[in-house]
């Protein structure tokens, strides 16, 4: 499976984001098997503000859409994304090598 979720904290269990809604998340991303993050919204080393994107609109890599759409409001999960739903054969210059599996710890804070 290209995307797997491992729940860390249960959400409300009933309120799922829908296609086209803007979701607000906090996250920390790392390469599979690594401990150091390549990106984060969390302070003090990260961006310091939540990330927002429109679900299933093509704004983000497919793994984000697939993973976050399975979460409920307030949930925190570890989302593992195979390279075919992440950055694929190209990777992301300087951060993610080609064909890398990546892992995001995500907190679904809100959506509208």
PDB file of N, CA and C in Angstrom:
ATOM      1  N   UNK A   1       0.843  -1.186   0.000  1.00  0.00           N
ATOM      2  CA  UNK A   1       0.000   0.000   0.000  1.00  0.00           C
ATOM      3  C   UNK A   1       0.887   1.247   0.000  1.00  0.00           C
ATOM      4  N   UNK A   2       0.596   2.199  -0.874  1.00  0.00           N
ATOM      5  CA  UNK A   2       1.432   3.391  -0.975  1.00  0.00           C
ATOM      6  C   UNK A   2       1.389   4.294   0.259  1.00  0.00           C
ATOM      7  N   UNK A   3       0.258   4.319   0.993  1.00  0.00           N
ATOM      8  CA  UNK A   3       0.122   5.167   2.175  1.00  0.00           C
ATOM      9  C   UNK A   3      -0.394   4.328   3.340  1.00  0.00           C
ATOM     10  N   UNK A   4       0.286   4.422   4.475  1.00  0.00           N
ATOM     11  CA  UNK A   4      -0.199   3.753   5.683  1.00  0.00           C
ATOM     12  C   UNK A   4      -0.255   4.769   6.817  1.00  0.00           C
ATOM     13  N   UNK A   5      -1.245   4.574   7.698  1.00  0.00           N
ATOM     14  CA  UNK A   5      -1.405   5.445   8.857  1.00  0.00           C
ATOM     15  C   UNK A   5      -1.251   4.641  10.132  1.00  0.00           C
ATOM     16  N   UNK A   6      -0.575   5.244  11.094  1.00  0.00           N
ATOM     17  CA  UNK A   6      -0.456   4.676  12.433  1.00  0.00           C
ATOM     18  C   UNK A   6      -0.924   5.768  13.389  1.00  0.00           C
ATOM     19  N   UNK A   7      -2.059   5.538  14.031  1.00  0.00           N
ATOM     20  CA  UNK A   7      -2.616   6.554  14.923  1.00  0.00           C
ATOM     21  C   UNK A   7      -1.754   6.716  16.164  1.00  0.00           C
ATOM     22  N   UNK A   8      -1.536   7.974  16.514  1.00  0.00           N
ATOM     23  CA  UNK A   8      -0.817   8.321  17.732  1.00  0.00           C
ATOM     24  C   UNK A   8      -1.819   8.802  18.777  1.00  0.00           C
ATOM     25  N   UNK A   9      -2.734   9.666  18.337  1.00  0.00           N
ATOM     26  CA  UNK A   9      -3.813  10.187  19.186  1.00  0.00           C
ATOM     27  C   UNK A   9      -5.096  10.118  18.379  1.00  0.00           C
ATOM     28  N   UNK A  10      -6.128   9.509  18.949  1.00  0.00           N
ATOM     29  CA  UNK A  10      -7.425   9.414  18.271  1.00  0.00           C
ATOM     30  C   UNK A  10      -8.012  10.799  18.050  1.00  0.00           C
ATOM     31  N   UNK A  11      -8.686  10.963  16.919  1.00  0.00           N
ATOM     32  CA  UNK A  11      -9.466  12.167  16.664  1.00  0.00           C
ATOM     33  C   UNK A  11     -10.865  11.961  17.201  1.00  0.00           C
ATOM     34  N   UNK A  12     -11.816  12.735  16.683  1.00  0.00           N
ATOM     35  CA  UNK A  12     -13.195  12.586  17.150  1.00  0.00           C
ATOM     36  C   UNK A  12     -13.864  11.331  16.598  1.00  0.00           C
ATOM     37  N   UNK A  13     -13.227  10.687  15.619  1.00  0.00           N
ATOM     38  CA  UNK A  13     -13.727   9.418  15.099  1.00  0.00           C
ATOM     39  C   UNK A  13     -14.883   9.518  14.126  1.00  0.00           C
ATOM     40  N   UNK A  14     -15.335  10.732  13.810  1.00  0.00           N
ATOM     41  CA  UNK A  14     -16.497  10.848  12.917  1.00  0.00           C
ATOM     42  C   UNK A  14     -16.412  11.977  11.901  1.00  0.00           C
ATOM     43  N   UNK A  15     -15.562  12.972  12.143  1.00  0.00           N
ATOM     44  CA  UNK A  15     -15.528  14.137  11.267  1.00  0.00           C
ATOM     45  C   UNK A  15     -14.310  14.075  10.357  1.00  0.00           C
ATOM     46  N   UNK A  16     -14.545  13.663   9.092  1.00  0.00           N
ATOM     47  CA  UNK A  16     -13.486  13.516   8.099  1.00  0.00           C
ATOM     48  C   UNK A  16     -13.494  14.701   7.138  1.00  0.00           C
ATOM     49  N   UNK A  17     -12.328  15.174   6.723  1.00  0.00           N
ATOM     50  CA  UNK A  17     -12.309  16.233   5.713  1.00  0.00           C
ATOM     51  C   UNK A  17     -12.745  15.683   4.355  1.00  0.00           C
ATOM     52  N   UNK A  18     -13.342  16.554   3.554  1.00  0.00           N
ATOM     53  CA  UNK A  18     -13.843  16.155   2.233  1.00  0.00           C
ATOM     54  C   UNK A  18     -13.060  16.856   1.125  1.00  0.00           C
ATOM     55  N   UNK A  19     -13.154  16.290  -0.058  1.00  0.00           N
ATOM     56  CA  UNK A  19     -12.502  16.851  -1.234  1.00  0.00           C
ATOM     57  C   UNK A  19     -12.866  18.331  -1.366  1.00  0.00           C
ATOM     58  N   UNK A  20     -11.842  19.155  -1.585  1.00  0.00           N
ATOM     59  CA  UNK A  20     -12.051  20.586  -1.787  1.00  0.00           C
ATOM     60  C   UNK A  20     -11.983  21.426  -0.526  1.00  0.00           C
ATOM     61  N   UNK A  21     -12.039  20.789   0.641  1.00  0.00           N
ATOM     62  CA  UNK A  21     -11.947  21.553   1.876  1.00  0.00           C
ATOM     63  C   UNK A  21     -10.490  21.942   2.141  1.00  0.00           C
ATOM     64  N   UNK A  22     -10.307  23.060   2.832  1.00  0.00           N
ATOM     65  CA  UNK A  22      -8.976  23.499   3.229  1.00  0.00           C
ATOM     66  C   UNK A  22      -8.690  22.903   4.600  1.00  0.00           C
ATOM     67  N   UNK A  23      -7.624  22.111   4.668  1.00  0.00           N
ATOM     68  CA  UNK A  23      -7.231  21.467   5.924  1.00  0.00           C
ATOM     69  C   UNK A  23      -6.059  22.232   6.535  1.00  0.00           C
ATOM     70  N   UNK A  24      -6.018  22.235   7.853  1.00  0.00           N
ATOM     71  CA  UNK A  24      -4.931  22.865   8.599  1.00  0.00           C
ATOM     72  C   UNK A  24      -4.257  21.783   9.428  1.00  0.00           C
ATOM     73  N   UNK A  25      -2.953  21.628   9.221  1.00  0.00           N
ATOM     74  CA  UNK A  25      -2.200  20.582   9.906  1.00  0.00           C
ATOM     75  C   UNK A  25      -0.897  21.128  10.474  1.00  0.00           C
ATOM     76  N   UNK A  26      -0.428  20.480  11.525  1.00  0.00           N
ATOM     77  CA  UNK A  26       0.949  20.609  11.968  1.00  0.00           C
ATOM     78  C   UNK A  26       1.617  19.300  11.596  1.00  0.00           C
ATOM     79  N   UNK A  27       2.895  19.356  11.220  1.00  0.00           N
ATOM     80  CA  UNK A  27       3.579  18.128  10.817  1.00  0.00           C
ATOM     81  C   UNK A  27       5.071  18.223  11.051  1.00  0.00           C
ATOM     82  N   UNK A  28       5.675  17.047  11.098  1.00  0.00           N
ATOM     83  CA  UNK A  28       7.122  16.891  11.036  1.00  0.00           C
ATOM     84  C   UNK A  28       7.392  15.768  10.050  1.00  0.00           C
ATOM     85  N   UNK A  29       8.241  16.029   9.056  1.00  0.00           N
ATOM     86  CA  UNK A  29       8.556  15.035   8.035  1.00  0.00           C
ATOM     87  C   UNK A  29       9.988  14.562   8.136  1.00  0.00           C
ATOM     88  N   UNK A  30      10.183  13.268   7.893  1.00  0.00           N
ATOM     89  CA  UNK A  30      11.527  12.677   7.907  1.00  0.00           C
ATOM     90  C   UNK A  30      11.579  11.540   6.896  1.00  0.00           C
ATOM     91  N   UNK A  31      12.787  11.165   6.540  1.00  0.00           N
ATOM     92  CA  UNK A  31      12.965   9.991   5.690  1.00  0.00           C
ATOM     93  C   UNK A  31      12.721   8.748   6.529  1.00  0.00           C
ATOM     94  N   UNK A  32      12.178   7.704   5.922  1.00  0.00           N
ATOM     95  CA  UNK A  32      11.965   6.454   6.642  1.00  0.00           C
ATOM     96  C   UNK A  32      13.299   5.961   7.198  1.00  0.00           C
ATOM     97  N   UNK A  33      13.306   5.609   8.469  1.00  0.00           N
ATOM     98  CA  UNK A  33      14.506   5.114   9.120  1.00  0.00           C
ATOM     99  C   UNK A  33      15.396   6.208   9.710  1.00  0.00           C
ATOM    100  N   UNK A  34      15.057   7.458   9.445  1.00  0.00           N
ATOM    101  CA  UNK A  34      15.844   8.580   9.969  1.00  0.00           C
ATOM    102  C   UNK A  34      15.176   9.153  11.216  1.00  0.00           C
ATOM    103  N   UNK A  35      15.938   9.869  11.995  1.00  0.00           N
ATOM    104  CA  UNK A  35      15.385  10.534  13.178  1.00  0.00           C
ATOM    105  C   UNK A  35      15.308  12.042  12.999  1.00  0.00           C
ATOM    106  N   UNK A  36      16.193  12.605  12.191  1.00  0.00           N
ATOM    107  CA  UNK A  36      16.195  14.048  11.978  1.00  0.00           C
ATOM    108  C   UNK A  36      15.172  14.436  10.916  1.00  0.00           C
ATOM    109  N   UNK A  37      14.365  15.459  11.201  1.00  0.00           N
ATOM    110  CA  UNK A  37      13.362  15.887  10.219  1.00  0.00           C
ATOM    111  C   UNK A  37      13.987  16.665   9.063  1.00  0.00           C
ATOM    112  N   UNK A  38      13.342  16.583   7.892  1.00  0.00           N
ATOM    113  CA  UNK A  38      13.734  17.422   6.763  1.00  0.00           C
ATOM    114  C   UNK A  38      12.840  18.652   6.671  1.00  0.00           C
ATOM    115  N   UNK A  39      11.693  18.623   7.373  1.00  0.00           N
ATOM    116  CA  UNK A  39      10.777  19.764   7.371  1.00  0.00           C
ATOM    117  C   UNK A  39       9.814  19.634   8.538  1.00  0.00           C
ATOM    118  N   UNK A  40       9.339  20.778   9.037  1.00  0.00           N
ATOM    119  CA  UNK A  40       8.388  20.771  10.146  1.00  0.00           C
ATOM    120  C   UNK A  40       7.678  22.111  10.233  1.00  0.00           C
ATOM    121  N   UNK A  41       6.448  22.071  10.698  1.00  0.00           N
ATOM    122  CA  UNK A  41       5.728  23.311  10.991  1.00  0.00           C
ATOM    123  C   UNK A  41       5.920  23.693  12.449  1.00  0.00           C
ATOM    124  N   UNK A  42       6.455  22.796  13.211  1.00  0.00           N
ATOM    125  CA  UNK A  42       6.544  22.986  14.656  1.00  0.00           C
ATOM    126  C   UNK A  42       7.780  23.798  15.050  1.00  0.00           C
ATOM    127  N   UNK A  43       7.571  24.761  15.951  1.00  0.00           N
ATOM    128  CA  UNK A  43       8.680  25.562  16.486  1.00  0.00           C
ATOM    129  C   UNK A  43       9.446  24.693  17.481  1.00  0.00           C
ATOM    130  N   UNK A  44      10.668  24.935  17.812  1.00  0.00           N
ATOM    131  CA  UNK A  44      11.435  26.121  17.457  1.00  0.00           C
ATOM    132  C   UNK A  44      12.223  25.986  16.155  1.00  0.00           C
ATOM    133  N   UNK A  45      12.420  24.766  15.644  1.00  0.00           N
ATOM    134  CA  UNK A  45      13.252  24.605  14.448  1.00  0.00           C
ATOM    135  C   UNK A  45      12.445  24.640  13.158  1.00  0.00           C
ATOM    136  N   UNK A  46      11.140  24.519  13.265  1.00  0.00           N
ATOM    137  CA  UNK A  46      10.303  24.474  12.071  1.00  0.00           C
ATOM    138  C   UNK A  46       9.820  25.844  11.639  1.00  0.00           C
ATOM    139  N   UNK A  47       8.795  25.829  10.815  1.00  0.00           N
ATOM    140  CA  UNK A  47       8.245  27.056  10.255  1.00  0.00           C
ATOM    141  C   UNK A  47       7.517  27.908  11.295  1.00  0.00           C
ATOM    142  N   UNK A  48       7.021  27.258  12.349  1.00  0.00           N
ATOM    143  CA  UNK A  48       6.376  27.990  13.424  1.00  0.00           C
ATOM    144  C   UNK A  48       4.908  28.328  13.199  1.00  0.00           C
ATOM    145  N   UNK A  49       4.327  27.808  12.114  1.00  0.00           N
ATOM    146  CA  UNK A  49       2.891  28.012  11.891  1.00  0.00           C
ATOM    147  C   UNK A  49       2.330  26.814  11.136  1.00  0.00           C
ATOM    148  N   UNK A  50       1.046  26.511  11.357  1.00  0.00           N
ATOM    149  CA  UNK A  50       0.436  25.360  10.681  1.00  0.00           C
ATOM    150  C   UNK A  50       0.449  25.512   9.160  1.00  0.00           C
ATOM    151  N   UNK A  51       0.324  24.374   8.486  1.00  0.00           N
ATOM    152  CA  UNK A  51       0.297  24.299   7.028  1.00  0.00           C
ATOM    153  C   UNK A  51      -1.145  24.110   6.587  1.00  0.00           C
ATOM    154  N   UNK A  52      -1.566  24.836   5.562  1.00  0.00           N
ATOM    155  CA  UNK A  52      -2.922  24.721   5.019  1.00  0.00           C
ATOM    156  C   UNK A  52      -2.849  24.346   3.551  1.00  0.00           C
ATOM    157  N   UNK A  53      -3.756  23.453   3.133  1.00  0.00           N
ATOM    158  CA  UNK A  53      -3.877  23.119   1.718  1.00  0.00           C
ATOM    159  C   UNK A  53      -5.281  22.622   1.427  1.00  0.00           C
ATOM    160  N   UNK A  54      -5.674  22.727   0.153  1.00  0.00           N
ATOM    161  CA  UNK A  54      -6.991  22.265  -0.288  1.00  0.00           C
ATOM    162  C   UNK A  54      -6.881  20.787  -0.652  1.00  0.00           C
ATOM    163  N   UNK A  55      -7.687  19.978   0.001  1.00  0.00           N
ATOM    164  CA  UNK A  55      -7.643  18.524  -0.154  1.00  0.00           C
ATOM    165  C   UNK A  55      -8.059  18.091  -1.559  1.00  0.00           C
ATOM    166  N   UNK A  56      -7.280  17.205  -2.152  1.00  0.00           N
ATOM    167  CA  UNK A  56      -7.512  16.613  -3.469  1.00  0.00           C
ATOM    168  C   UNK A  56      -7.594  17.658  -4.586  1.00  0.00           C
ATOM    169  N   UNK A  57      -6.797  18.713  -4.477  1.00  0.00           N
ATOM    170  CA  UNK A  57      -6.796  19.745  -5.520  1.00  0.00           C
ATOM    171  C   UNK A  57      -5.490  19.768  -6.313  1.00  0.00           C
ATOM    172  N   UNK A  58      -4.542  18.899  -5.962  1.00  0.00           N
ATOM    173  CA  UNK A  58      -3.260  18.877  -6.640  1.00  0.00           C
ATOM    174  C   UNK A  58      -2.238  19.848  -6.055  1.00  0.00           C
ATOM    175  N   UNK A  59      -2.554  20.473  -4.929  1.00  0.00           N
ATOM    176  CA  UNK A  59      -1.629  21.430  -4.302  1.00  0.00           C
ATOM    177  C   UNK A  59      -0.443  20.751  -3.623  1.00  0.00           C
ATOM    178  N   UNK A  60      -0.606  19.500  -3.232  1.00  0.00           N
ATOM    179  CA  UNK A  60       0.426  18.774  -2.487  1.00  0.00           C
ATOM    180  C   UNK A  60       0.653  17.405  -3.129  1.00  0.00           C
ATOM    181  N   UNK A  61       1.670  16.702  -2.667  1.00  0.00           N
ATOM    182  CA  UNK A  61       1.897  15.346  -3.175  1.00  0.00           C
ATOM    183  C   UNK A  61       0.701  14.457  -2.800  1.00  0.00           C
ATOM    184  N   UNK A  62       0.449  13.447  -3.615  1.00  0.00           N
ATOM    185  CA  UNK A  62      -0.732  12.593  -3.447  1.00  0.00           C
ATOM    186  C   UNK A  62      -0.799  11.923  -2.079  1.00  0.00           C
ATOM    187  N   UNK A  63       0.344  11.587  -1.510  1.00  0.00           N
ATOM    188  CA  UNK A  63       0.367  10.946  -0.200  1.00  0.00           C
ATOM    189  C   UNK A  63      -0.285  11.786   0.884  1.00  0.00           C
ATOM    190  N   UNK A  64      -0.141  13.107   0.780  1.00  0.00           N
ATOM    191  CA  UNK A  64      -0.810  13.995   1.735  1.00  0.00           C
ATOM    192  C   UNK A  64      -2.330  13.860   1.611  1.00  0.00           C
ATOM    193  N   UNK A  65      -2.842  13.924   0.375  1.00  0.00           N
ATOM    194  CA  UNK A  65      -4.290  13.803   0.162  1.00  0.00           C
ATOM    195  C   UNK A  65      -4.812  12.460   0.667  1.00  0.00           C
ATOM    196  N   UNK A  66      -4.111  11.387   0.309  1.00  0.00           N
ATOM    197  CA  UNK A  66      -4.555  10.053   0.721  1.00  0.00           C
ATOM    198  C   UNK A  66      -4.516   9.885   2.236  1.00  0.00           C
ATOM    199  N   UNK A  67      -3.455  10.366   2.866  1.00  0.00           N
ATOM    200  CA  UNK A  67      -3.314  10.191   4.309  1.00  0.00           C
ATOM    201  C   UNK A  67      -4.268  11.055   5.106  1.00  0.00           C
ATOM    202  N   UNK A  68      -4.283  12.347   4.847  1.00  0.00           N
ATOM    203  CA  UNK A  68      -5.103  13.272   5.637  1.00  0.00           C
ATOM    204  C   UNK A  68      -6.591  12.997   5.445  1.00  0.00           C
ATOM    205  N   UNK A  69      -7.005  12.547   4.273  1.00  0.00           N
ATOM    206  CA  UNK A  69      -8.430  12.264   4.052  1.00  0.00           C
ATOM    207  C   UNK A  69      -8.927  11.076   4.888  1.00  0.00           C
ATOM    208  N   UNK A  70      -8.018  10.273   5.433  1.00  0.00           N
ATOM    209  CA  UNK A  70      -8.387   9.140   6.292  1.00  0.00           C
ATOM    210  C   UNK A  70      -8.403   9.503   7.776  1.00  0.00           C
ATOM    211  N   UNK A  71      -8.027  10.741   8.094  1.00  0.00           N
ATOM    212  CA  UNK A  71      -7.944  11.166   9.486  1.00  0.00           C
ATOM    213  C   UNK A  71      -9.230  11.888   9.907  1.00  0.00           C
ATOM    214  N   UNK A  72      -9.503  11.876  11.214  1.00  0.00           N
ATOM    215  CA  UNK A  72     -10.633  12.642  11.732  1.00  0.00           C
ATOM    216  C   UNK A  72     -10.120  13.840  12.526  1.00  0.00           C
ATOM    217  N   UNK A  73     -10.996  14.797  12.714  1.00  0.00           N
ATOM    218  CA  UNK A  73     -10.645  16.042  13.380  1.00  0.00           C
ATOM    219  C   UNK A  73      -9.952  15.789  14.719  1.00  0.00           C
ATOM    220  N   UNK A  74      -8.798  16.423  14.903  1.00  0.00           N
ATOM    221  CA  UNK A  74      -8.031  16.288  16.140  1.00  0.00           C
ATOM    222  C   UNK A  74      -7.054  15.124  16.158  1.00  0.00           C
ATOM    223  N   UNK A  75      -7.141  14.259  15.187  1.00  0.00           N
ATOM    224  CA  UNK A  75      -6.276  13.073  15.149  1.00  0.00           C
ATOM    225  C   UNK A  75      -4.813  13.441  14.903  1.00  0.00           C
ATOM    226  N   UNK A  76      -3.942  12.659  15.515  1.00  0.00           N
ATOM    227  CA  UNK A  76      -2.516  12.729  15.223  1.00  0.00           C
ATOM    228  C   UNK A  76      -2.092  11.347  14.757  1.00  0.00           C
ATOM    229  N   UNK A  77      -1.499  11.295  13.581  1.00  0.00           N
ATOM    230  CA  UNK A  77      -1.078  10.022  13.011  1.00  0.00           C
ATOM    231  C   UNK A  77       0.281  10.148  12.356  1.00  0.00           C
ATOM    232  N   UNK A  78       0.951   9.011  12.255  1.00  0.00           N
ATOM    233  CA  UNK A  78       2.174   8.914  11.480  1.00  0.00           C
ATOM    234  C   UNK A  78       1.762   8.382  10.110  1.00  0.00           C
ATOM    235  N   UNK A  79       2.015   9.168   9.079  1.00  0.00           N
ATOM    236  CA  UNK A  79       1.650   8.784   7.714  1.00  0.00           C
ATOM    237  C   UNK A  79       2.934   8.413   6.970  1.00  0.00           C
ATOM    238  N   UNK A  80       3.006   7.160   6.522  1.00  0.00           N
ATOM    239  CA  UNK A  80       4.149   6.689   5.745  1.00  0.00           C
ATOM    240  C   UNK A  80       3.746   6.668   4.280  1.00  0.00           C
ATOM    241  N   UNK A  81       4.554   7.320   3.439  1.00  0.00           N
ATOM    242  CA  UNK A  81       4.245   7.451   2.011  1.00  0.00           C
ATOM    243  C   UNK A  81       5.351   6.825   1.171  1.00  0.00           C
ATOM    244  N   UNK A  82       4.956   5.853   0.349  1.00  0.00           N
ATOM    245  CA  UNK A  82       5.907   5.270  -0.605  1.00  0.00           C
ATOM    246  C   UNK A  82       6.259   6.331  -1.649  1.00  0.00           C
ATOM    247  N   UNK A  83       7.380   6.148  -2.299  1.00  0.00           N
ATOM    248  CA  UNK A  83       7.864   7.169  -3.235  1.00  0.00           C
ATOM    249  C   UNK A  83       6.877   7.459  -4.364  1.00  0.00           C
ATOM    250  N   UNK A  84       6.075   6.468  -4.780  1.00  0.00           N
ATOM    251  CA  UNK A  84       5.160   6.709  -5.902  1.00  0.00           C
ATOM    252  C   UNK A  84       4.023   7.670  -5.556  1.00  0.00           C
ATOM    253  N   UNK A  85       3.769   7.942  -4.268  1.00  0.00           N
ATOM    254  CA  UNK A  85       2.773   8.943  -3.881  1.00  0.00           C
ATOM    255  C   UNK A  85       3.445  10.117  -3.167  1.00  0.00           C
ATOM    256  N   UNK A  86       4.794  10.141  -3.229  1.00  0.00           N
ATOM    257  CA  UNK A  86       5.560  11.218  -2.603  1.00  0.00           C
ATOM    258  C   UNK A  86       6.342  11.947  -3.701  1.00  0.00           C
ATOM    259  N   UNK A  87       7.668  11.842  -3.691  1.00  0.00           N
ATOM    260  CA  UNK A  87       8.485  12.587  -4.646  1.00  0.00           C
ATOM    261  C   UNK A  87       9.080  11.730  -5.751  1.00  0.00           C
ATOM    262  N   UNK A  88       8.725  10.441  -5.778  1.00  0.00           N
ATOM    263  CA  UNK A  88       9.040   9.562  -6.888  1.00  0.00           C
ATOM    264  C   UNK A  88      10.504   9.439  -7.252  1.00  0.00           C
ATOM    265  N   UNK A  89      10.746   9.253  -8.552  1.00  0.00           N
ATOM    266  CA  UNK A  89      12.089   9.026  -9.084  1.00  0.00           C
ATOM    267  C   UNK A  89      12.968  10.265  -9.019  1.00  0.00           C
ATOM    268  N   UNK A  90      12.368  11.441  -8.890  1.00  0.00           N
ATOM    269  CA  UNK A  90      13.146  12.693  -8.882  1.00  0.00           C
ATOM    270  C   UNK A  90      13.624  13.083  -7.492  1.00  0.00           C
ATOM    271  N   UNK A  91      12.851  12.720  -6.465  1.00  0.00           N
ATOM    272  CA  UNK A  91      13.163  13.200  -5.137  1.00  0.00           C
ATOM    273  C   UNK A  91      12.891  14.692  -5.046  1.00  0.00           C
ATOM    274  N   UNK A  92      13.449  15.324  -4.039  1.00  0.00           N
ATOM    275  CA  UNK A  92      13.321  16.776  -3.874  1.00  0.00           C
ATOM    276  C   UNK A  92      14.710  17.300  -3.545  1.00  0.00           C
ATOM    277  N   UNK A  93      15.255  18.049  -4.474  1.00  0.00           N
ATOM    278  CA  UNK A  93      16.661  18.476  -4.446  1.00  0.00           C
ATOM    279  C   UNK A  93      17.124  18.947  -3.063  1.00  0.00           C
ATOM    280  N   UNK A  94      18.152  18.280  -2.574  1.00  0.00           N
ATOM    281  CA  UNK A  94      18.779  18.663  -1.328  1.00  0.00           C
ATOM    282  C   UNK A  94      18.117  18.138  -0.065  1.00  0.00           C
ATOM    283  N   UNK A  95      16.906  17.589  -0.184  1.00  0.00           N
ATOM    284  CA  UNK A  95      16.189  17.115   1.001  1.00  0.00           C
ATOM    285  C   UNK A  95      15.787  15.653   0.943  1.00  0.00           C
ATOM    286  N   UNK A  96      15.244  15.234  -0.200  1.00  0.00           N
ATOM    287  CA  UNK A  96      14.678  13.888  -0.311  1.00  0.00           C
ATOM    288  C   UNK A  96      15.284  13.194  -1.523  1.00  0.00           C
ATOM    289  N   UNK A  97      15.986  12.082  -1.300  1.00  0.00           N
ATOM    290  CA  UNK A  97      16.593  11.377  -2.433  1.00  0.00           C
ATOM    291  C   UNK A  97      15.542  10.699  -3.319  1.00  0.00           C
ATOM    292  N   UNK A  98      15.908  10.368  -4.561  1.00  0.00           N
ATOM    293  CA  UNK A  98      14.983   9.652  -5.438  1.00  0.00           C
ATOM    294  C   UNK A  98      14.498   8.348  -4.800  1.00  0.00           C
ATOM    295  N   UNK A  99      13.261   8.008  -5.079  1.00  0.00           N
ATOM    296  CA  UNK A  99      12.627   6.751  -4.661  1.00  0.00           C
ATOM    297  C   UNK A  99      12.575   6.565  -3.138  1.00  0.00           C
ATOM    298  N   UNK A 100      12.558   7.661  -2.402  1.00  0.00           N
ATOM    299  CA  UNK A 100      12.557   7.586  -0.937  1.00  0.00           C
ATOM    300  C   UNK A 100      11.140   7.429  -0.384  1.00  0.00           C
ATOM    301  N   UNK A 101      11.023   6.606   0.642  1.00  0.00           N
ATOM    302  CA  UNK A 101       9.802   6.537   1.435  1.00  0.00           C
ATOM    303  C   UNK A 101       9.942   7.591   2.524  1.00  0.00           C
ATOM    304  N   UNK A 102       8.870   8.368   2.714  1.00  0.00           N
ATOM    305  CA  UNK A 102       8.918   9.430   3.711  1.00  0.00           C
ATOM    306  C   UNK A 102       7.826   9.234   4.750  1.00  0.00           C
ATOM    307  N   UNK A 103       8.052   9.800   5.929  1.00  0.00           N
ATOM    308  CA  UNK A 103       7.145   9.636   7.060  1.00  0.00           C
ATOM    309  C   UNK A 103       6.834  11.023   7.623  1.00  0.00           C
ATOM    310  N   UNK A 104       5.541  11.299   7.783  1.00  0.00           N
ATOM    311  CA  UNK A 104       5.108  12.547   8.393  1.00  0.00           C
ATOM    312  C   UNK A 104       4.304  12.242   9.646  1.00  0.00           C
ATOM    313  N   UNK A 105       4.641  12.910  10.739  1.00  0.00           N
ATOM    314  CA  UNK A 105       3.777  12.892  11.916  1.00  0.00           C
ATOM    315  C   UNK A 105       2.866  14.104  11.755  1.00  0.00           C
ATOM    316  N   UNK A 106       1.560  13.854  11.659  1.00  0.00           N
ATOM    317  CA  UNK A 106       0.588  14.880  11.302  1.00  0.00           C
ATOM    318  C   UNK A 106      -0.491  15.030  12.367  1.00  0.00           C
ATOM    319  N   UNK A 107      -0.831  16.263  12.679  1.00  0.00           N
ATOM    320  CA  UNK A 107      -1.960  16.580  13.562  1.00  0.00           C
ATOM    321  C   UNK A 107      -2.966  17.345  12.724  1.00  0.00           C
ATOM    322  N   UNK A 108      -4.151  16.763  12.520  1.00  0.00           N
ATOM    323  CA  UNK A 108      -5.229  17.420  11.780  1.00  0.00           C
ATOM    324  C   UNK A 108      -5.961  18.358  12.734  1.00  0.00           C
ATOM    325  N   UNK A 109      -5.666  19.647  12.605  1.00  0.00           N
ATOM    326  CA  UNK A 109      -6.159  20.644  13.537  1.00  0.00           C
ATOM    327  C   UNK A 109      -7.545  21.183  13.191  1.00  0.00           C
ATOM    328  N   UNK A 110      -7.789  21.383  11.885  1.00  0.00           N
ATOM    329  CA  UNK A 110      -9.057  21.998  11.456  1.00  0.00           C
ATOM    330  C   UNK A 110      -9.251  21.774   9.970  1.00  0.00           C
ATOM    331  N   UNK A 111     -10.470  22.004   9.508  1.00  0.00           N
ATOM    332  CA  UNK A 111     -10.767  22.071   8.062  1.00  0.00           C
ATOM    333  C   UNK A 111     -12.081  22.798   7.857  1.00  0.00           C
ATOM    334  N   UNK A 112     -12.181  23.402   6.670  1.00  0.00           N
ATOM    335  CA  UNK A 112     -13.404  24.148   6.345  1.00  0.00           C
ATOM    336  C   UNK A 112     -13.634  24.148   4.846  1.00  0.00           C
TER     337      UNK A 112
END
